[in-house]
């Protein structure tokens, strides 16, 4: 399950683990990248990963590709 909220400067997606095996993951997407956050149950602190727009593009492509090493190139019109 997930929720989507549109804020003034970002879109916030929260991924909810209905089985409650892991903590919820919050992804905040800005014009220049995204922040992924999850509570670390062991420390009680929120862990944060920041991705650039290029890294987000690569992640999106990687979800549909087989194992290997890739470099995406922009096709000029």
PDB file of N, CA and C in Angstrom:
ATOM      1  N   UNK A   1       0.851  -1.161   0.000  1.00  0.00           N
ATOM      2  CA  UNK A   1       0.000   0.000   0.000  1.00  0.00           C
ATOM      3  C   UNK A   1       0.900   1.227   0.000  1.00  0.00           C
ATOM      4  N   UNK A   2       0.410   2.317  -0.560  1.00  0.00           N
ATOM      5  CA  UNK A   2       1.172   3.556  -0.553  1.00  0.00           C
ATOM      6  C   UNK A   2       0.244   4.754  -0.558  1.00  0.00           C
ATOM      7  N   UNK A   3       0.797   5.894  -0.141  1.00  0.00           N
ATOM      8  CA  UNK A   3       0.059   7.148  -0.202  1.00  0.00           C
ATOM      9  C   UNK A   3       0.864   8.132  -1.044  1.00  0.00           C
ATOM     10  N   UNK A   4       0.153   9.099  -1.641  1.00  0.00           N
ATOM     11  CA  UNK A   4       0.787  10.164  -2.422  1.00  0.00           C
ATOM     12  C   UNK A   4       0.219  11.488  -1.938  1.00  0.00           C
ATOM     13  N   UNK A   5       1.107  12.423  -1.637  1.00  0.00           N
ATOM     14  CA  UNK A   5       0.699  13.765  -1.232  1.00  0.00           C
ATOM     15  C   UNK A   5       1.467  14.770  -2.078  1.00  0.00           C
ATOM     16  N   UNK A   6       0.750  15.733  -2.639  1.00  0.00           N
ATOM     17  CA  UNK A   6       1.391  16.789  -3.421  1.00  0.00           C
ATOM     18  C   UNK A   6       1.493  18.024  -2.539  1.00  0.00           C
ATOM     19  N   UNK A   7       2.729  18.417  -2.252  1.00  0.00           N
ATOM     20  CA  UNK A   7       2.983  19.612  -1.462  1.00  0.00           C
ATOM     21  C   UNK A   7       3.430  20.731  -2.394  1.00  0.00           C
ATOM     22  N   UNK A   8       3.659  21.919  -1.836  1.00  0.00           N
ATOM     23  CA  UNK A   8       4.020  23.079  -2.637  1.00  0.00           C
ATOM     24  C   UNK A   8       5.262  22.839  -3.496  1.00  0.00           C
ATOM     25  N   UNK A   9       6.321  22.278  -2.904  1.00  0.00           N
ATOM     26  CA  UNK A   9       7.587  22.132  -3.621  1.00  0.00           C
ATOM     27  C   UNK A   9       8.019  20.685  -3.827  1.00  0.00           C
ATOM     28  N   UNK A  10       7.138  19.725  -3.501  1.00  0.00           N
ATOM     29  CA  UNK A  10       7.546  18.322  -3.604  1.00  0.00           C
ATOM     30  C   UNK A  10       6.328  17.409  -3.658  1.00  0.00           C
ATOM     31  N   UNK A  11       6.573  16.187  -4.114  1.00  0.00           N
ATOM     32  CA  UNK A  11       5.592  15.115  -4.037  1.00  0.00           C
ATOM     33  C   UNK A  11       6.128  14.104  -3.044  1.00  0.00           C
ATOM     34  N   UNK A  12       5.286  13.689  -2.115  1.00  0.00           N
ATOM     35  CA  UNK A  12       5.705  12.758  -1.067  1.00  0.00           C
ATOM     36  C   UNK A  12       4.956  11.442  -1.246  1.00  0.00           C
ATOM     37  N   UNK A  13       5.721  10.370  -1.430  1.00  0.00           N
ATOM     38  CA  UNK A  13       5.159   9.023  -1.552  1.00  0.00           C
ATOM     39  C   UNK A  13       5.600   8.239  -0.320  1.00  0.00           C
ATOM     40  N   UNK A  14       4.647   7.617   0.354  1.00  0.00           N
ATOM     41  CA  UNK A  14       4.964   6.783   1.511  1.00  0.00           C
ATOM     42  C   UNK A  14       4.594   5.347   1.173  1.00  0.00           C
ATOM     43  N   UNK A  15       5.586   4.456   1.235  1.00  0.00           N
ATOM     44  CA  UNK A  15       5.388   3.030   0.985  1.00  0.00           C
ATOM     45  C   UNK A  15       5.155   2.350   2.323  1.00  0.00           C
ATOM     46  N   UNK A  16       3.995   1.729   2.464  1.00  0.00           N
ATOM     47  CA  UNK A  16       3.597   1.129   3.730  1.00  0.00           C
ATOM     48  C   UNK A  16       3.663  -0.387   3.615  1.00  0.00           C
ATOM     49  N   UNK A  17       4.434  -0.999   4.504  1.00  0.00           N
ATOM     50  CA  UNK A  17       4.538  -2.454   4.540  1.00  0.00           C
ATOM     51  C   UNK A  17       3.387  -2.988   5.380  1.00  0.00           C
ATOM     52  N   UNK A  18       2.357  -3.496   4.721  1.00  0.00           N
ATOM     53  CA  UNK A  18       1.171  -3.960   5.439  1.00  0.00           C
ATOM     54  C   UNK A  18       1.461  -5.164   6.335  1.00  0.00           C
ATOM     55  N   UNK A  19       2.496  -5.929   6.016  1.00  0.00           N
ATOM     56  CA  UNK A  19       2.878  -7.061   6.857  1.00  0.00           C
ATOM     57  C   UNK A  19       3.639  -6.597   8.099  1.00  0.00           C
ATOM     58  N   UNK A  20       4.008  -5.329   8.120  1.00  0.00           N
ATOM     59  CA  UNK A  20       4.736  -4.720   9.231  1.00  0.00           C
ATOM     60  C   UNK A  20       6.077  -5.393   9.509  1.00  0.00           C
ATOM     61  N   UNK A  21       6.693  -5.951   8.460  1.00  0.00           N
ATOM     62  CA  UNK A  21       8.012  -6.572   8.597  1.00  0.00           C
ATOM     63  C   UNK A  21       9.117  -5.517   8.654  1.00  0.00           C
ATOM     64  N   UNK A  22       8.905  -4.402   7.969  1.00  0.00           N
ATOM     65  CA  UNK A  22       9.872  -3.297   7.967  1.00  0.00           C
ATOM     66  C   UNK A  22       9.119  -1.985   8.144  1.00  0.00           C
ATOM     67  N   UNK A  23       9.858  -0.948   8.537  1.00  0.00           N
ATOM     68  CA  UNK A  23       9.269   0.378   8.712  1.00  0.00           C
ATOM     69  C   UNK A  23       8.860   0.972   7.364  1.00  0.00           C
ATOM     70  N   UNK A  24       7.903   1.890   7.391  1.00  0.00           N
ATOM     71  CA  UNK A  24       7.468   2.584   6.184  1.00  0.00           C
ATOM     72  C   UNK A  24       8.642   3.344   5.569  1.00  0.00           C
ATOM     73  N   UNK A  25       8.598   3.529   4.252  1.00  0.00           N
ATOM     74  CA  UNK A  25       9.608   4.288   3.531  1.00  0.00           C
ATOM     75  C   UNK A  25       8.933   5.527   2.956  1.00  0.00           C
ATOM     76  N   UNK A  26       9.540   6.692   3.183  1.00  0.00           N
ATOM     77  CA  UNK A  26       9.009   7.943   2.644  1.00  0.00           C
ATOM     78  C   UNK A  26       9.964   8.455   1.578  1.00  0.00           C
ATOM     79  N   UNK A  27       9.406   8.747   0.388  1.00  0.00           N
ATOM     80  CA  UNK A  27      10.193   9.275  -0.724  1.00  0.00           C
ATOM     81  C   UNK A  27       9.659  10.667  -1.040  1.00  0.00           C
ATOM     82  N   UNK A  28      10.506  11.671  -0.892  1.00  0.00           N
ATOM     83  CA  UNK A  28      10.125  13.044  -1.192  1.00  0.00           C
ATOM     84  C   UNK A  28      10.846  13.455  -2.463  1.00  0.00           C
ATOM     85  N   UNK A  29      10.074  13.763  -3.508  1.00  0.00           N
ATOM     86  CA  UNK A  29      10.649  14.085  -4.816  1.00  0.00           C
ATOM     87  C   UNK A  29      10.569  15.588  -5.057  1.00  0.00           C
ATOM     88  N   UNK A  30      11.727  16.185  -5.324  1.00  0.00           N
ATOM     89  CA  UNK A  30      11.846  17.605  -5.631  1.00  0.00           C
ATOM     90  C   UNK A  30      12.229  17.753  -7.103  1.00  0.00           C
ATOM     91  N   UNK A  31      12.318  18.992  -7.594  1.00  0.00           N
ATOM     92  CA  UNK A  31      12.725  19.238  -8.979  1.00  0.00           C
ATOM     93  C   UNK A  31      14.134  18.721  -9.268  1.00  0.00           C
ATOM     94  N   UNK A  32      15.019  18.746  -8.271  1.00  0.00           N
ATOM     95  CA  UNK A  32      16.420  18.403  -8.505  1.00  0.00           C
ATOM     96  C   UNK A  32      16.848  17.061  -7.912  1.00  0.00           C
ATOM     97  N   UNK A  33      15.893  16.234  -7.468  1.00  0.00           N
ATOM     98  CA  UNK A  33      16.252  14.928  -6.930  1.00  0.00           C
ATOM     99  C   UNK A  33      15.212  14.403  -5.962  1.00  0.00           C
ATOM    100  N   UNK A  34      15.617  13.461  -5.139  1.00  0.00           N
ATOM    101  CA  UNK A  34      14.684  12.843  -4.199  1.00  0.00           C
ATOM    102  C   UNK A  34      15.397  12.475  -2.909  1.00  0.00           C
ATOM    103  N   UNK A  35      14.628  12.435  -1.835  1.00  0.00           N
ATOM    104  CA  UNK A  35      15.123  12.027  -0.529  1.00  0.00           C
ATOM    105  C   UNK A  35      14.321  10.792  -0.110  1.00  0.00           C
ATOM    106  N   UNK A  36      15.025   9.718   0.255  1.00  0.00           N
ATOM    107  CA  UNK A  36      14.399   8.478   0.706  1.00  0.00           C
ATOM    108  C   UNK A  36      14.708   8.340   2.193  1.00  0.00           C
ATOM    109  N   UNK A  37      13.660   8.146   3.007  1.00  0.00           N
ATOM    110  CA  UNK A  37      13.853   8.072   4.453  1.00  0.00           C
ATOM    111  C   UNK A  37      13.146   6.856   5.036  1.00  0.00           C
ATOM    112  N   UNK A  38      13.771   6.276   6.064  1.00  0.00           N
ATOM    113  CA  UNK A  38      13.176   5.149   6.775  1.00  0.00           C
ATOM    114  C   UNK A  38      13.697   5.157   8.208  1.00  0.00           C
ATOM    115  N   UNK A  39      12.805   4.906   9.152  1.00  0.00           N
ATOM    116  CA  UNK A  39      13.194   4.832  10.555  1.00  0.00           C
ATOM    117  C   UNK A  39      13.993   3.562  10.793  1.00  0.00           C
ATOM    118  N   UNK A  40      15.143   3.707  11.428  1.00  0.00           N
ATOM    119  CA  UNK A  40      15.965   2.558  11.820  1.00  0.00           C
ATOM    120  C   UNK A  40      15.491   2.134  13.206  1.00  0.00           C
ATOM    121  N   UNK A  41      14.857   0.986  13.279  1.00  0.00           N
ATOM    122  CA  UNK A  41      14.303   0.512  14.554  1.00  0.00           C
ATOM    123  C   UNK A  41      15.366   0.315  15.618  1.00  0.00           C
ATOM    124  N   UNK A  42      16.585  -0.048  15.205  1.00  0.00           N
ATOM    125  CA  UNK A  42      17.655  -0.311  16.165  1.00  0.00           C
ATOM    126  C   UNK A  42      18.116   0.949  16.881  1.00  0.00           C
ATOM    127  N   UNK A  43      18.205   2.057  16.140  1.00  0.00           N
ATOM    128  CA  UNK A  43      18.733   3.295  16.720  1.00  0.00           C
ATOM    129  C   UNK A  43      17.644   4.309  17.051  1.00  0.00           C
ATOM    130  N   UNK A  44      16.465   4.130  16.462  1.00  0.00           N
ATOM    131  CA  UNK A  44      15.391   5.100  16.654  1.00  0.00           C
ATOM    132  C   UNK A  44      15.585   6.363  15.835  1.00  0.00           C
ATOM    133  N   UNK A  45      16.573   6.352  14.926  1.00  0.00           N
ATOM    134  CA  UNK A  45      16.856   7.515  14.079  1.00  0.00           C
ATOM    135  C   UNK A  45      16.406   7.245  12.650  1.00  0.00           C
ATOM    136  N   UNK A  46      16.058   8.317  11.956  1.00  0.00           N
ATOM    137  CA  UNK A  46      15.665   8.213  10.550  1.00  0.00           C
ATOM    138  C   UNK A  46      16.918   8.190   9.689  1.00  0.00           C
ATOM    139  N   UNK A  47      17.017   7.197   8.819  1.00  0.00           N
ATOM    140  CA  UNK A  47      18.131   7.090   7.865  1.00  0.00           C
ATOM    141  C   UNK A  47      17.692   7.756   6.559  1.00  0.00           C
ATOM    142  N   UNK A  48      18.578   8.529   5.956  1.00  0.00           N
ATOM    143  CA  UNK A  48      18.235   9.292   4.753  1.00  0.00           C
ATOM    144  C   UNK A  48      19.222   9.001   3.633  1.00  0.00           C
ATOM    145  N   UNK A  49      18.683   8.840   2.417  1.00  0.00           N
ATOM    146  CA  UNK A  49      19.488   8.704   1.205  1.00  0.00           C
ATOM    147  C   UNK A  49      18.993   9.780   0.244  1.00  0.00           C
ATOM    148  N   UNK A  50      19.918  10.541  -0.359  1.00  0.00           N
ATOM    149  CA  UNK A  50      19.565  11.576  -1.325  1.00  0.00           C
ATOM    150  C   UNK A  50      20.007  11.110  -2.706  1.00  0.00           C
ATOM    151  N   UNK A  51      19.095  11.177  -3.672  1.00  0.00           N
ATOM    152  CA  UNK A  51      19.378  10.777  -5.056  1.00  0.00           C
ATOM    153  C   UNK A  51      19.241  11.977  -5.981  1.00  0.00           C
ATOM    154  N   UNK A  52      20.162  12.112  -6.932  1.00  0.00           N
ATOM    155  CA  UNK A  52      20.042  13.157  -7.952  1.00  0.00           C
ATOM    156  C   UNK A  52      19.011  12.729  -8.996  1.00  0.00           C
ATOM    157  N   UNK A  53      18.628  13.647  -9.854  1.00  0.00           N
ATOM    158  CA  UNK A  53      17.681  13.287 -10.915  1.00  0.00           C
ATOM    159  C   UNK A  53      18.296  12.247 -11.851  1.00  0.00           C
ATOM    160  N   UNK A  54      19.603  12.307 -12.086  1.00  0.00           N
ATOM    161  CA  UNK A  54      20.263  11.306 -12.939  1.00  0.00           C
ATOM    162  C   UNK A  54      20.207   9.931 -12.285  1.00  0.00           C
ATOM    163  N   UNK A  55      20.412   9.870 -10.977  1.00  0.00           N
ATOM    164  CA  UNK A  55      20.330   8.595 -10.275  1.00  0.00           C
ATOM    165  C   UNK A  55      18.904   8.044 -10.294  1.00  0.00           C
ATOM    166  N   UNK A  56      17.918   8.921 -10.171  1.00  0.00           N
ATOM    167  CA  UNK A  56      16.514   8.491 -10.264  1.00  0.00           C
ATOM    168  C   UNK A  56      16.212   7.920 -11.643  1.00  0.00           C
ATOM    169  N   UNK A  57      16.738   8.576 -12.681  1.00  0.00           N
ATOM    170  CA  UNK A  57      16.551   8.095 -14.053  1.00  0.00           C
ATOM    171  C   UNK A  57      17.167   6.710 -14.212  1.00  0.00           C
ATOM    172  N   UNK A  58      18.375   6.530 -13.691  1.00  0.00           N
ATOM    173  CA  UNK A  58      19.052   5.243 -13.787  1.00  0.00           C
ATOM    174  C   UNK A  58      18.292   4.160 -13.014  1.00  0.00           C
ATOM    175  N   UNK A  59      17.791   4.505 -11.840  1.00  0.00           N
ATOM    176  CA  UNK A  59      17.018   3.542 -11.051  1.00  0.00           C
ATOM    177  C   UNK A  59      15.768   3.107 -11.799  1.00  0.00           C
ATOM    178  N   UNK A  60      15.095   4.057 -12.378  1.00  0.00           N
ATOM    179  CA  UNK A  60      13.880   3.745 -13.154  1.00  0.00           C
ATOM    180  C   UNK A  60      14.191   2.777 -14.286  1.00  0.00           C
ATOM    181  N   UNK A  61      15.276   3.020 -15.008  1.00  0.00           N
ATOM    182  CA  UNK A  61      15.672   2.139 -16.110  1.00  0.00           C
ATOM    183  C   UNK A  61      16.096   0.774 -15.587  1.00  0.00           C
ATOM    184  N   UNK A  62      16.802   0.753 -14.458  1.00  0.00           N
ATOM    185  CA  UNK A  62      17.331  -0.502 -13.921  1.00  0.00           C
ATOM    186  C   UNK A  62      16.231  -1.483 -13.525  1.00  0.00           C
ATOM    187  N   UNK A  63      15.083  -0.986 -13.170  1.00  0.00           N
ATOM    188  CA  UNK A  63      13.989  -1.864 -12.748  1.00  0.00           C
ATOM    189  C   UNK A  63      13.509  -2.775 -13.865  1.00  0.00           C
ATOM    190  N   UNK A  64      13.797  -2.407 -15.121  1.00  0.00           N
ATOM    191  CA  UNK A  64      13.337  -3.192 -16.265  1.00  0.00           C
ATOM    192  C   UNK A  64      14.459  -3.863 -17.048  1.00  0.00           C
ATOM    193  N   UNK A  65      15.669  -3.897 -16.500  1.00  0.00           N
ATOM    194  CA  UNK A  65      16.811  -4.454 -17.226  1.00  0.00           C
ATOM    195  C   UNK A  65      17.354  -5.710 -16.537  1.00  0.00           C
ATOM    196  N   UNK A  66      17.957  -6.600 -17.320  1.00  0.00           N
ATOM    197  CA  UNK A  66      18.581  -7.786 -16.712  1.00  0.00           C
ATOM    198  C   UNK A  66      19.900  -7.397 -16.029  1.00  0.00           C
ATOM    199  N   UNK A  67      20.488  -8.339 -15.326  1.00  0.00           N
ATOM    200  CA  UNK A  67      21.753  -8.131 -14.628  1.00  0.00           C
ATOM    201  C   UNK A  67      22.825  -7.651 -15.597  1.00  0.00           C
ATOM    202  N   UNK A  68      23.650  -6.707 -15.164  1.00  0.00           N
ATOM    203  CA  UNK A  68      24.722  -6.201 -16.018  1.00  0.00           C
ATOM    204  C   UNK A  68      25.120  -4.797 -15.614  1.00  0.00           C
ATOM    205  N   UNK A  69      26.004  -4.179 -16.401  1.00  0.00           N
ATOM    206  CA  UNK A  69      26.456  -2.815 -16.185  1.00  0.00           C
ATOM    207  C   UNK A  69      25.985  -1.970 -17.355  1.00  0.00           C
ATOM    208  N   UNK A  70      25.434  -0.814 -17.067  1.00  0.00           N
ATOM    209  CA  UNK A  70      24.827   0.010 -18.107  1.00  0.00           C
ATOM    210  C   UNK A  70      25.207   1.471 -17.939  1.00  0.00           C
ATOM    211  N   UNK A  71      25.146   2.223 -19.030  1.00  0.00           N
ATOM    212  CA  UNK A  71      25.255   3.674 -19.014  1.00  0.00           C
ATOM    213  C   UNK A  71      24.174   4.200 -19.955  1.00  0.00           C
ATOM    214  N   UNK A  72      23.271   5.003 -19.421  1.00  0.00           N
ATOM    215  CA  UNK A  72      22.213   5.550 -20.253  1.00  0.00           C
ATOM    216  C   UNK A  72      22.730   6.779 -21.004  1.00  0.00           C
ATOM    217  N   UNK A  73      22.335   6.901 -22.252  1.00  0.00           N
ATOM    218  CA  UNK A  73      22.693   8.056 -23.059  1.00  0.00           C
ATOM    219  C   UNK A  73      21.430   8.712 -23.562  1.00  0.00           C
ATOM    220  N   UNK A  74      21.462  10.023 -23.630  1.00  0.00           N
ATOM    221  CA  UNK A  74      20.344  10.774 -24.187  1.00  0.00           C
ATOM    222  C   UNK A  74      20.405  10.706 -25.701  1.00  0.00           C
ATOM    223  N   UNK A  75      19.272  10.441 -26.319  1.00  0.00           N
ATOM    224  CA  UNK A  75      19.185  10.431 -27.777  1.00  0.00           C
ATOM    225  C   UNK A  75      18.818  11.842 -28.214  1.00  0.00           C
ATOM    226  N   UNK A  76      19.644  12.434 -29.099  1.00  0.00           N
ATOM    227  CA  UNK A  76      19.358  13.779 -29.597  1.00  0.00           C
ATOM    228  C   UNK A  76      18.357  13.697 -30.730  1.00  0.00           C
ATOM    229  N   UNK A  77      17.411  14.615 -30.722  1.00  0.00           N
ATOM    230  CA  UNK A  77      16.378  14.638 -31.779  1.00  0.00           C
ATOM    231  C   UNK A  77      16.909  15.154 -33.082  1.00  0.00           C
TER     232      UNK A  77
END
